[in-house]
Amino acid sequence: MGIPEYWIVDYLGLGGGKFIGNPKQPTLSVCKLVDGEYQVKQFRESERVESLAFPELNLTVEEIFRASLPSSCKIDRYPAIVSNLSGII
């Protein structure tokens, strides 16, 4: 028995290249339990997130990341997210 699905949300692209690829960029990883092991699918930018836990979810990674930034966040402190999400914020 385990957790059927969990997400790793790296909206600043700070994770290791082994986990989010090179070049590093903001990534949302959905980890699904299949036959006792987790399978990871990664989503970036304008890709729609697929989730067994939320089958009717109709959001892109950009929309999720934009919603997760606190209103007090000084976006200029995060040049990587600004360059990767240009035109959104």
C-alpha atoms as a PDB file:
ATOM      1  CA  MET A   1       0.000   0.000   0.000  1.00  0.00           C
ATOM      2  CA  GLY A   2       1.246   3.488  -0.772  1.00  0.00           C
ATOM      3  CA  ILE A   3       0.301   6.945  -1.871  1.00  0.00           C
ATOM      4  CA  PRO A   4      -1.335   6.565  -5.320  1.00  0.00           C
ATOM      5  CA  GLU A   5      -0.038   9.891  -6.648  1.00  0.00           C
ATOM      6  CA  TYR A   6       2.067  12.798  -5.473  1.00  0.00           C
ATOM      7  CA  TRP A   7       3.437  15.920  -7.128  1.00  0.00           C
ATOM      8  CA  ILE A   8       6.789  17.666  -6.922  1.00  0.00           C
ATOM      9  CA  VAL A   9       6.385  21.326  -7.860  1.00  0.00           C
ATOM     10  CA  ASP A  10       9.691  23.074  -8.601  1.00  0.00           C
ATOM     11  CA  TYR A  11       8.536  26.492  -9.813  1.00  0.00           C
ATOM     12  CA  LEU A  12      12.037  27.988  -9.587  1.00  0.00           C
ATOM     13  CA  GLY A  13      13.840  25.171 -11.399  1.00  0.00           C
ATOM     14  CA  LEU A  14      16.194  24.586  -8.476  1.00  0.00           C
ATOM     15  CA  GLY A  15      16.129  20.781  -8.523  1.00  0.00           C
ATOM     16  CA  GLY A  16      19.092  18.710  -9.621  1.00  0.00           C
ATOM     17  CA  GLY A  17      19.633  18.252 -13.353  1.00  0.00           C
ATOM     18  CA  LYS A  18      19.222  14.488 -12.796  1.00  0.00           C
ATOM     19  CA  PHE A  19      15.623  15.133 -11.763  1.00  0.00           C
ATOM     20  CA  ILE A  20      14.487  18.074 -13.908  1.00  0.00           C
ATOM     21  CA  GLY A  21      16.874  17.869 -16.855  1.00  0.00           C
ATOM     22  CA  ASN A  22      19.307  20.271 -18.448  1.00  0.00           C
ATOM     23  CA  PRO A  23      18.963  23.120 -18.838  1.00  0.00           C
ATOM     24  CA  LYS A  24      17.192  23.419 -15.514  1.00  0.00           C
ATOM     25  CA  GLN A  25      13.751  24.938 -15.808  1.00  0.00           C
ATOM     26  CA  PRO A  26      10.570  25.116 -13.735  1.00  0.00           C
ATOM     27  CA  THR A  27       9.098  21.611 -13.680  1.00  0.00           C
ATOM     28  CA  LEU A  28       6.050  19.880 -12.248  1.00  0.00           C
ATOM     29  CA  SER A  29       6.567  16.145 -11.719  1.00  0.00           C
ATOM     30  CA  VAL A  30       3.580  13.852 -11.234  1.00  0.00           C
ATOM     31  CA  CYS A  31       4.578  10.570  -9.565  1.00  0.00           C
ATOM     32  CA  LYS A  32       2.066   7.721  -9.962  1.00  0.00           C
ATOM     33  CA  LEU A  33       2.202   4.423  -8.110  1.00  0.00           C
ATOM     34  CA  VAL A  34       2.092   1.591 -10.664  1.00  0.00           C
ATOM     35  CA  ASP A  35       2.633  -2.029  -9.580  1.00  0.00           C
ATOM     36  CA  GLY A  36       4.396  -0.934  -6.391  1.00  0.00           C
ATOM     37  CA  GLU A  37       6.781   1.550  -8.049  1.00  0.00           C
ATOM     38  CA  TYR A  38       6.460   5.231  -8.853  1.00  0.00           C
ATOM     39  CA  GLN A  39       6.473   6.338 -12.462  1.00  0.00           C
ATOM     40  CA  VAL A  40       7.349   9.991 -12.967  1.00  0.00           C
ATOM     41  CA  LYS A  41       6.012  12.186 -15.745  1.00  0.00           C
ATOM     42  CA  GLN A  42       7.303  15.724 -16.009  1.00  0.00           C
ATOM     43  CA  PHE A  43       5.443  18.742 -17.319  1.00  0.00           C
ATOM     44  CA  ARG A  44       6.773  22.182 -18.241  1.00  0.00           C
ATOM     45  CA  GLU A  45       5.573  25.556 -19.513  1.00  0.00           C
ATOM     46  CA  SER A  46       2.365  25.301 -21.567  1.00  0.00           C
ATOM     47  CA  GLU A  47       1.896  21.540 -21.122  1.00  0.00           C
ATOM     48  CA  ARG A  48      -1.381  20.426 -19.555  1.00  0.00           C
ATOM     49  CA  VAL A  49      -0.903  18.466 -16.349  1.00  0.00           C
ATOM     50  CA  GLU A  50      -2.281  14.918 -16.383  1.00  0.00           C
ATOM     51  CA  SER A  51      -3.388  13.465 -13.069  1.00  0.00           C
ATOM     52  CA  LEU A  52      -5.254  10.301 -12.075  1.00  0.00           C
ATOM     53  CA  ALA A  53      -6.123  11.946  -8.744  1.00  0.00           C
ATOM     54  CA  PHE A  54      -7.672  14.955 -10.530  1.00  0.00           C
ATOM     55  CA  PRO A  55      -8.938  13.598 -13.875  1.00  0.00           C
ATOM     56  CA  GLU A  56     -10.897  16.748 -14.704  1.00  0.00           C
ATOM     57  CA  LEU A  57      -7.966  19.070 -14.044  1.00  0.00           C
ATOM     58  CA  ASN A  58      -7.493  21.378 -17.014  1.00  0.00           C
ATOM     59  CA  LEU A  59      -4.493  23.536 -16.105  1.00  0.00           C
ATOM     60  CA  THR A  60      -1.108  24.120 -17.661  1.00  0.00           C
ATOM     61  CA  VAL A  61       2.110  24.186 -15.692  1.00  0.00           C
ATOM     62  CA  GLU A  62       2.338  27.945 -16.299  1.00  0.00           C
ATOM     63  CA  GLU A  63      -1.110  28.476 -14.753  1.00  0.00           C
ATOM     64  CA  ILE A  64      -0.216  26.426 -11.685  1.00  0.00           C
ATOM     65  CA  PHE A  65       3.126  28.167 -11.198  1.00  0.00           C
ATOM     66  CA  ARG A  66       1.597  31.599 -11.636  1.00  0.00           C
ATOM     67  CA  ALA A  67      -1.015  30.804  -8.977  1.00  0.00           C
ATOM     68  CA  SER A  68       1.640  29.506  -6.564  1.00  0.00           C
ATOM     69  CA  LEU A  69       3.694  32.700  -6.445  1.00  0.00           C
ATOM     70  CA  PRO A  70       2.907  34.636  -3.275  1.00  0.00           C
ATOM     71  CA  SER A  71       1.681  38.172  -3.876  1.00  0.00           C
ATOM     72  CA  SER A  72       4.631  39.485  -1.852  1.00  0.00           C
ATOM     73  CA  CYS A  73       7.102  37.676  -4.126  1.00  0.00           C
ATOM     74  CA  LYS A  74       9.556  40.000  -5.807  1.00  0.00           C
ATOM     75  CA  ILE A  75       9.684  38.344  -9.228  1.00  0.00           C
ATOM     76  CA  ASP A  76      12.859  40.234 -10.131  1.00  0.00           C
ATOM     77  CA  ARG A  77      14.668  38.095  -7.547  1.00  0.00           C
ATOM     78  CA  TYR A  78      14.072  35.070  -9.752  1.00  0.00           C
ATOM     79  CA  PRO A  79      15.493  35.817 -13.219  1.00  0.00           C
ATOM     80  CA  ALA A  80      15.271  32.132 -14.226  1.00  0.00           C
ATOM     81  CA  ILE A  81      11.512  32.053 -13.778  1.00  0.00           C
ATOM     82  CA  VAL A  82      11.123  35.377 -15.558  1.00  0.00           C
ATOM     83  CA  SER A  83      13.068  34.152 -18.588  1.00  0.00           C
ATOM     84  CA  ASN A  84      11.292  30.787 -18.666  1.00  0.00           C
ATOM     85  CA  LEU A  85       7.829  32.251 -18.227  1.00  0.00           C
ATOM     86  CA  SER A  86       8.208  35.422 -20.282  1.00  0.00           C
ATOM     87  CA  GLY A  87       4.949  36.860 -21.489  1.00  0.00           C
ATOM     88  CA  ILE A  88       2.934  35.200 -18.713  1.00  0.00           C
ATOM     89  CA  ILE A  89       3.642  37.389 -15.723  1.00  0.00           C
END
